[in-house]
Amino acid sequence: MSTQSKQQLIELGALWYSTKTPGVMTGKVNGNTRIIYLPNDRKEKENQPDGRIFLAPAEKRDEPKSRPVKDDDVPW
């Protein structure tokens, strides 16, 4: 690929091979949407795809629960 062609590309994200499932790749697109690549292990014809790409919402992390502030907790 020429340098000029590379300059026209827009990177959406990156993928890594799963350490748990062979052939599966996962990553993030635009920092918050998960992307999953699953290989087509049932491919029977040359015109069928080698794999499929899926988008999924980002996993929500458990946020620490904040406790309500009481009047006697305020230092002034």
PDB file of N, CA and C in Angstrom:
ATOM      1  N   MET A   1       0.850  -1.168   0.000  1.00  0.00           N
ATOM      2  CA  MET A   1       0.000   0.000   0.000  1.00  0.00           C
ATOM      3  C   MET A   1       0.901   1.238   0.000  1.00  0.00           C
ATOM      4  N   SER A   2       0.573   2.165  -0.835  1.00  0.00           N
ATOM      5  CA  SER A   2       1.389   3.367  -0.942  1.00  0.00           C
ATOM      6  C   SER A   2       1.156   4.287   0.252  1.00  0.00           C
ATOM      7  N   THR A   3       2.104   5.193   0.472  1.00  0.00           N
ATOM      8  CA  THR A   3       1.995   6.152   1.571  1.00  0.00           C
ATOM      9  C   THR A   3       0.757   7.018   1.400  1.00  0.00           C
ATOM     10  N   GLN A   4       0.470   7.396   0.160  1.00  0.00           N
ATOM     11  CA  GLN A   4      -0.701   8.226  -0.094  1.00  0.00           C
ATOM     12  C   GLN A   4      -1.981   7.473   0.269  1.00  0.00           C
ATOM     13  N   SER A   5      -2.049   6.196  -0.034  1.00  0.00           N
ATOM     14  CA  SER A   5      -3.225   5.396   0.304  1.00  0.00           C
ATOM     15  C   SER A   5      -3.379   5.279   1.817  1.00  0.00           C
ATOM     16  N   LYS A   6      -2.274   5.103   2.533  1.00  0.00           N
ATOM     17  CA  LYS A   6      -2.321   4.987   3.987  1.00  0.00           C
ATOM     18  C   LYS A   6      -2.820   6.278   4.623  1.00  0.00           C
ATOM     19  N   GLN A   7      -2.474   7.408   4.048  1.00  0.00           N
ATOM     20  CA  GLN A   7      -2.888   8.687   4.604  1.00  0.00           C
ATOM     21  C   GLN A   7      -4.391   8.895   4.467  1.00  0.00           C
ATOM     22  N   GLN A   8      -5.038   8.194   3.544  1.00  0.00           N
ATOM     23  CA  GLN A   8      -6.473   8.329   3.345  1.00  0.00           C
ATOM     24  C   GLN A   8      -7.276   7.418   4.266  1.00  0.00           C
ATOM     25  N   LEU A   9      -6.614   6.523   4.967  1.00  0.00           N
ATOM     26  CA  LEU A   9      -7.298   5.605   5.866  1.00  0.00           C
ATOM     27  C   LEU A   9      -7.619   6.279   7.193  1.00  0.00           C
ATOM     28  N   ILE A  10      -8.731   5.911   7.774  1.00  0.00           N
ATOM     29  CA  ILE A  10      -9.131   6.423   9.078  1.00  0.00           C
ATOM     30  C   ILE A  10      -9.190   5.241  10.032  1.00  0.00           C
ATOM     31  N   GLU A  11      -8.396   5.270  11.080  1.00  0.00           N
ATOM     32  CA  GLU A  11      -8.383   4.179  12.050  1.00  0.00           C
ATOM     33  C   GLU A  11      -9.593   4.283  12.958  1.00  0.00           C
ATOM     34  N   LEU A  12     -10.324   3.184  13.073  1.00  0.00           N
ATOM     35  CA  LEU A  12     -11.509   3.145  13.925  1.00  0.00           C
ATOM     36  C   LEU A  12     -11.216   2.551  15.291  1.00  0.00           C
ATOM     37  N   GLY A  13     -10.250   1.658  15.359  1.00  0.00           N
ATOM     38  CA  GLY A  13      -9.933   0.989  16.603  1.00  0.00           C
ATOM     39  C   GLY A  13      -8.886  -0.076  16.368  1.00  0.00           C
ATOM     40  N   ALA A  14      -8.798  -1.015  17.291  1.00  0.00           N
ATOM     41  CA  ALA A  14      -7.805  -2.082  17.191  1.00  0.00           C
ATOM     42  C   ALA A  14      -8.395  -3.363  17.765  1.00  0.00           C
ATOM     43  N   LEU A  15      -7.873  -4.495  17.321  1.00  0.00           N
ATOM     44  CA  LEU A  15      -8.340  -5.802  17.780  1.00  0.00           C
ATOM     45  C   LEU A  15      -7.190  -6.615  18.340  1.00  0.00           C
ATOM     46  N   TRP A  16      -7.508  -7.457  19.323  1.00  0.00           N
ATOM     47  CA  TRP A  16      -6.536  -8.374  19.904  1.00  0.00           C
ATOM     48  C   TRP A  16      -7.131  -9.762  19.875  1.00  0.00           C
ATOM     49  N   TYR A  17      -6.283 -10.764  19.688  1.00  0.00           N
ATOM     50  CA  TYR A  17      -6.758 -12.142  19.772  1.00  0.00           C
ATOM     51  C   TYR A  17      -7.148 -12.459  21.205  1.00  0.00           C
ATOM     52  N   SER A  18      -8.244 -13.154  21.368  1.00  0.00           N
ATOM     53  CA  SER A  18      -8.718 -13.561  22.687  1.00  0.00           C
ATOM     54  C   SER A  18      -7.793 -14.627  23.256  1.00  0.00           C
ATOM     55  N   THR A  19      -7.493 -14.524  24.528  1.00  0.00           N
ATOM     56  CA  THR A  19      -6.679 -15.553  25.182  1.00  0.00           C
ATOM     57  C   THR A  19      -7.550 -16.725  25.619  1.00  0.00           C
ATOM     58  N   LYS A  20      -8.872 -16.540  25.586  1.00  0.00           N
ATOM     59  CA  LYS A  20      -9.796 -17.584  26.035  1.00  0.00           C
ATOM     60  C   LYS A  20     -10.382 -18.402  24.883  1.00  0.00           C
ATOM     61  N   THR A  21     -10.614 -17.745  23.735  1.00  0.00           N
ATOM     62  CA  THR A  21     -11.271 -18.413  22.617  1.00  0.00           C
ATOM     63  C   THR A  21     -10.433 -18.264  21.357  1.00  0.00           C
ATOM     64  N   PRO A  22      -9.862 -19.352  20.851  1.00  0.00           N
ATOM     65  CA  PRO A  22      -9.026 -19.278  19.652  1.00  0.00           C
ATOM     66  C   PRO A  22      -9.784 -18.715  18.448  1.00  0.00           C
ATOM     67  N   GLY A  23      -9.139 -17.826  17.708  1.00  0.00           N
ATOM     68  CA  GLY A  23      -9.715 -17.242  16.510  1.00  0.00           C
ATOM     69  C   GLY A  23     -10.557 -16.009  16.738  1.00  0.00           C
ATOM     70  N   VAL A  24     -11.026 -15.798  17.948  1.00  0.00           N
ATOM     71  CA  VAL A  24     -11.866 -14.643  18.262  1.00  0.00           C
ATOM     72  C   VAL A  24     -10.973 -13.443  18.543  1.00  0.00           C
ATOM     73  N   MET A  25     -11.376 -12.290  18.020  1.00  0.00           N
ATOM     74  CA  MET A  25     -10.652 -11.048  18.276  1.00  0.00           C
ATOM     75  C   MET A  25     -11.618 -10.046  18.879  1.00  0.00           C
ATOM     76  N   THR A  26     -11.128  -9.263  19.836  1.00  0.00           N
ATOM     77  CA  THR A  26     -11.959  -8.240  20.459  1.00  0.00           C
ATOM     78  C   THR A  26     -11.173  -6.942  20.567  1.00  0.00           C
ATOM     79  N   GLY A  27     -11.884  -5.854  20.694  1.00  0.00           N
ATOM     80  CA  GLY A  27     -11.243  -4.558  20.844  1.00  0.00           C
ATOM     81  C   GLY A  27     -12.289  -3.484  21.056  1.00  0.00           C
ATOM     82  N   LYS A  28     -11.887  -2.248  20.824  1.00  0.00           N
ATOM     83  CA  LYS A  28     -12.792  -1.115  20.997  1.00  0.00           C
ATOM     84  C   LYS A  28     -12.725  -0.222  19.772  1.00  0.00           C
ATOM     85  N   VAL A  29     -13.859   0.387  19.471  1.00  0.00           N
ATOM     86  CA  VAL A  29     -13.972   1.343  18.379  1.00  0.00           C
ATOM     87  C   VAL A  29     -14.317   2.680  19.001  1.00  0.00           C
ATOM     88  N   ASN A  30     -13.606   3.705  18.626  1.00  0.00           N
ATOM     89  CA  ASN A  30     -13.845   5.053  19.149  1.00  0.00           C
ATOM     90  C   ASN A  30     -13.803   5.106  20.672  1.00  0.00           C
ATOM     91  N   GLY A  31     -13.081   4.212  21.281  1.00  0.00           N
ATOM     92  CA  GLY A  31     -12.842   4.271  22.710  1.00  0.00           C
ATOM     93  C   GLY A  31     -13.914   3.719  23.627  1.00  0.00           C
ATOM     94  N   ASN A  32     -15.166   3.558  23.148  1.00  0.00           N
ATOM     95  CA  ASN A  32     -16.184   3.104  24.086  1.00  0.00           C
ATOM     96  C   ASN A  32     -17.095   1.996  23.563  1.00  0.00           C
ATOM     97  N   THR A  33     -17.051   1.675  22.302  1.00  0.00           N
ATOM     98  CA  THR A  33     -17.876   0.614  21.751  1.00  0.00           C
ATOM     99  C   THR A  33     -17.014  -0.615  21.511  1.00  0.00           C
ATOM    100  N   ARG A  34     -17.465  -1.749  22.024  1.00  0.00           N
ATOM    101  CA  ARG A  34     -16.700  -2.981  21.837  1.00  0.00           C
ATOM    102  C   ARG A  34     -16.940  -3.536  20.442  1.00  0.00           C
ATOM    103  N   ILE A  35     -15.914  -4.096  19.847  1.00  0.00           N
ATOM    104  CA  ILE A  35     -16.016  -4.753  18.551  1.00  0.00           C
ATOM    105  C   ILE A  35     -15.538  -6.187  18.743  1.00  0.00           C
ATOM    106  N   ILE A  36     -16.263  -7.110  18.144  1.00  0.00           N
ATOM    107  CA  ILE A  36     -15.939  -8.526  18.286  1.00  0.00           C
ATOM    108  C   ILE A  36     -15.889  -9.140  16.896  1.00  0.00           C
ATOM    109  N   TYR A  37     -14.806  -9.846  16.593  1.00  0.00           N
ATOM    110  CA  TYR A  37     -14.663 -10.572  15.334  1.00  0.00           C
ATOM    111  C   TYR A  37     -14.756 -12.059  15.642  1.00  0.00           C
ATOM    112  N   LEU A  38     -15.703 -12.733  14.977  1.00  0.00           N
ATOM    113  CA  LEU A  38     -15.855 -14.168  15.149  1.00  0.00           C
ATOM    114  C   LEU A  38     -15.556 -14.852  13.823  1.00  0.00           C
ATOM    115  N   PRO A  39     -14.623 -15.793  13.803  1.00  0.00           N
ATOM    116  CA  PRO A  39     -14.326 -16.493  12.553  1.00  0.00           C
ATOM    117  C   PRO A  39     -15.506 -17.383  12.152  1.00  0.00           C
ATOM    118  N   ASN A  40     -15.679 -17.562  10.861  1.00  0.00           N
ATOM    119  CA  ASN A  40     -16.745 -18.421  10.349  1.00  0.00           C
ATOM    120  C   ASN A  40     -16.211 -19.847  10.284  1.00  0.00           C
ATOM    121  N   ASP A  41     -16.491 -20.625  11.311  1.00  0.00           N
ATOM    122  CA  ASP A  41     -15.992 -21.996  11.342  1.00  0.00           C
ATOM    123  C   ASP A  41     -16.910 -22.964  10.596  1.00  0.00           C
ATOM    124  N   ARG A  42     -17.969 -22.425   9.983  1.00  0.00           N
ATOM    125  CA  ARG A  42     -18.891 -23.250   9.193  1.00  0.00           C
ATOM    126  C   ARG A  42     -18.822 -22.908   7.708  1.00  0.00           C
ATOM    127  N   LYS A  43     -17.759 -22.271   7.289  1.00  0.00           N
ATOM    128  CA  LYS A  43     -17.619 -21.863   5.894  1.00  0.00           C
ATOM    129  C   LYS A  43     -17.544 -23.101   5.010  1.00  0.00           C
ATOM    130  N   GLU A  44     -18.443 -23.158   4.028  1.00  0.00           N
ATOM    131  CA  GLU A  44     -18.486 -24.292   3.115  1.00  0.00           C
ATOM    132  C   GLU A  44     -18.167 -23.898   1.683  1.00  0.00           C
ATOM    133  N   LYS A  45     -18.387 -22.627   1.336  1.00  0.00           N
ATOM    134  CA  LYS A  45     -18.162 -22.146  -0.027  1.00  0.00           C
ATOM    135  C   LYS A  45     -17.235 -20.940  -0.006  1.00  0.00           C
ATOM    136  N   GLU A  46     -16.545 -20.734  -1.105  1.00  0.00           N
ATOM    137  CA  GLU A  46     -15.590 -19.628  -1.207  1.00  0.00           C
ATOM    138  C   GLU A  46     -16.281 -18.260  -1.113  1.00  0.00           C
ATOM    139  N   ASN A  47     -17.568 -18.186  -1.496  1.00  0.00           N
ATOM    140  CA  ASN A  47     -18.256 -16.897  -1.458  1.00  0.00           C
ATOM    141  C   ASN A  47     -18.837 -16.567  -0.084  1.00  0.00           C
ATOM    142  N   GLN A  48     -18.641 -17.429   0.896  1.00  0.00           N
ATOM    143  CA  GLN A  48     -19.079 -17.152   2.267  1.00  0.00           C
ATOM    144  C   GLN A  48     -17.968 -16.417   3.008  1.00  0.00           C
ATOM    145  N   PRO A  49     -18.337 -15.548   3.974  1.00  0.00           N
ATOM    146  CA  PRO A  49     -17.327 -14.751   4.673  1.00  0.00           C
ATOM    147  C   PRO A  49     -16.403 -15.603   5.543  1.00  0.00           C
ATOM    148  N   ASP A  50     -15.190 -15.118   5.743  1.00  0.00           N
ATOM    149  CA  ASP A  50     -14.232 -15.781   6.633  1.00  0.00           C
ATOM    150  C   ASP A  50     -14.567 -15.513   8.093  1.00  0.00           C
ATOM    151  N   GLY A  51     -15.284 -14.441   8.336  1.00  0.00           N
ATOM    152  CA  GLY A  51     -15.659 -14.092   9.699  1.00  0.00           C
ATOM    153  C   GLY A  51     -16.710 -13.010   9.692  1.00  0.00           C
ATOM    154  N   ARG A  52     -17.206 -12.700  10.867  1.00  0.00           N
ATOM    155  CA  ARG A  52     -18.215 -11.651  11.023  1.00  0.00           C
ATOM    156  C   ARG A  52     -17.780 -10.696  12.129  1.00  0.00           C
ATOM    157  N   ILE A  53     -18.197  -9.432  11.993  1.00  0.00           N
ATOM    158  CA  ILE A  53     -17.840  -8.394  12.959  1.00  0.00           C
ATOM    159  C   ILE A  53     -19.121  -7.915  13.636  1.00  0.00           C
ATOM    160  N   PHE A  54     -19.062  -7.814  14.953  1.00  0.00           N
ATOM    161  CA  PHE A  54     -20.206  -7.363  15.739  1.00  0.00           C
ATOM    162  C   PHE A  54     -19.800  -6.177  16.605  1.00  0.00           C
ATOM    163  N   LEU A  55     -20.738  -5.252  16.814  1.00  0.00           N
ATOM    164  CA  LEU A  55     -20.548  -4.136  17.731  1.00  0.00           C
ATOM    165  C   LEU A  55     -21.406  -4.383  18.962  1.00  0.00           C
ATOM    166  N   ALA A  56     -20.879  -4.052  20.115  1.00  0.00           N
ATOM    167  CA  ALA A  56     -21.609  -4.221  21.372  1.00  0.00           C
ATOM    168  C   ALA A  56     -21.349  -3.009  22.254  1.00  0.00           C
ATOM    169  N   PRO A  57     -22.318  -2.656  23.107  1.00  0.00           N
ATOM    170  CA  PRO A  57     -22.091  -1.542  24.026  1.00  0.00           C
ATOM    171  C   PRO A  57     -20.903  -1.845  24.937  1.00  0.00           C
ATOM    172  N   ALA A  58     -20.223  -0.810  25.356  1.00  0.00           N
ATOM    173  CA  ALA A  58     -19.088  -0.969  26.272  1.00  0.00           C
ATOM    174  C   ALA A  58     -19.569  -1.593  27.573  1.00  0.00           C
ATOM    175  N   GLU A  59     -18.722  -2.401  28.154  1.00  0.00           N
ATOM    176  CA  GLU A  59     -19.068  -3.014  29.433  1.00  0.00           C
ATOM    177  C   GLU A  59     -19.063  -1.947  30.512  1.00  0.00           C
ATOM    178  N   LYS A  60     -20.102  -1.954  31.336  1.00  0.00           N
ATOM    179  CA  LYS A  60     -20.161  -0.992  32.432  1.00  0.00           C
ATOM    180  C   LYS A  60     -19.352  -1.539  33.592  1.00  0.00           C
ATOM    181  N   ARG A  61     -18.512  -0.699  34.118  1.00  0.00           N
ATOM    182  CA  ARG A  61     -17.730  -1.083  35.293  1.00  0.00           C
ATOM    183  C   ARG A  61     -18.495  -0.718  36.537  1.00  0.00           C
ATOM    184  N   ASP A  62     -18.336  -1.519  37.562  1.00  0.00           N
ATOM    185  CA  ASP A  62     -18.996  -1.216  38.822  1.00  0.00           C
ATOM    186  C   ASP A  62     -18.408   0.049  39.411  1.00  0.00           C
ATOM    187  N   GLU A  63     -19.260   1.050  39.546  1.00  0.00           N
ATOM    188  CA  GLU A  63     -18.807   2.304  40.139  1.00  0.00           C
ATOM    189  C   GLU A  63     -19.001   2.218  41.647  1.00  0.00           C
ATOM    190  N   PRO A  64     -18.062   2.771  42.388  1.00  0.00           N
ATOM    191  CA  PRO A  64     -18.225   2.736  43.847  1.00  0.00           C
ATOM    192  C   PRO A  64     -19.496   3.480  44.243  1.00  0.00           C
ATOM    193  N   LYS A  65     -20.239   2.874  45.131  1.00  0.00           N
ATOM    194  CA  LYS A  65     -21.468   3.512  45.579  1.00  0.00           C
ATOM    195  C   LYS A  65     -21.128   4.628  46.551  1.00  0.00           C
ATOM    196  N   SER A  66     -21.711   5.782  46.295  1.00  0.00           N
ATOM    197  CA  SER A  66     -21.463   6.901  47.204  1.00  0.00           C
ATOM    198  C   SER A  66     -22.525   6.887  48.290  1.00  0.00           C
ATOM    199  N   ARG A  67     -22.098   7.229  49.469  1.00  0.00           N
ATOM    200  CA  ARG A  67     -23.050   7.251  50.569  1.00  0.00           C
ATOM    201  C   ARG A  67     -23.589   8.670  50.699  1.00  0.00           C
ATOM    202  N   PRO A  68     -24.821   8.802  51.125  1.00  0.00           N
ATOM    203  CA  PRO A  68     -25.385  10.150  51.271  1.00  0.00           C
ATOM    204  C   PRO A  68     -24.630  10.943  52.338  1.00  0.00           C
ATOM    205  N   VAL A  69     -24.485  12.221  52.105  1.00  0.00           N
ATOM    206  CA  VAL A  69     -23.791  13.092  53.051  1.00  0.00           C
ATOM    207  C   VAL A  69     -24.791  13.555  54.107  1.00  0.00           C
ATOM    208  N   LYS A  70     -24.411  13.354  55.351  1.00  0.00           N
ATOM    209  CA  LYS A  70     -25.259  13.793  56.458  1.00  0.00           C
ATOM    210  C   LYS A  70     -24.775  15.159  56.934  1.00  0.00           C
ATOM    211  N   ASP A  71     -25.650  15.879  57.587  1.00  0.00           N
ATOM    212  CA  ASP A  71     -25.286  17.206  58.078  1.00  0.00           C
ATOM    213  C   ASP A  71     -24.103  17.166  59.011  1.00  0.00           C
ATOM    214  N   ASP A  72     -23.985  16.124  59.818  1.00  0.00           N
ATOM    215  CA  ASP A  72     -22.874  16.063  60.772  1.00  0.00           C
ATOM    216  C   ASP A  72     -21.567  15.625  60.107  1.00  0.00           C
ATOM    217  N   ASP A  73     -21.587  15.229  58.808  1.00  0.00           N
ATOM    218  CA  ASP A  73     -20.373  14.874  58.083  1.00  0.00           C
ATOM    219  C   ASP A  73     -19.655  16.113  57.527  1.00  0.00           C
ATOM    220  N   VAL A  74     -20.397  17.218  57.426  1.00  0.00           N
ATOM    221  CA  VAL A  74     -19.821  18.433  56.862  1.00  0.00           C
ATOM    222  C   VAL A  74     -18.931  19.093  57.891  1.00  0.00           C
ATOM    223  N   PRO A  75     -17.664  19.413  57.549  1.00  0.00           N
ATOM    224  CA  PRO A  75     -16.723  19.921  58.538  1.00  0.00           C
ATOM    225  C   PRO A  75     -16.965  21.368  58.963  1.00  0.00           C
ATOM    226  N   TRP A  76     -17.890  22.090  58.431  1.00  0.00           N
ATOM    227  CA  TRP A  76     -18.117  23.480  58.851  1.00  0.00           C
ATOM    228  C   TRP A  76     -19.458  23.676  59.457  1.00  0.00           C
TER     229      TRP A  76
END
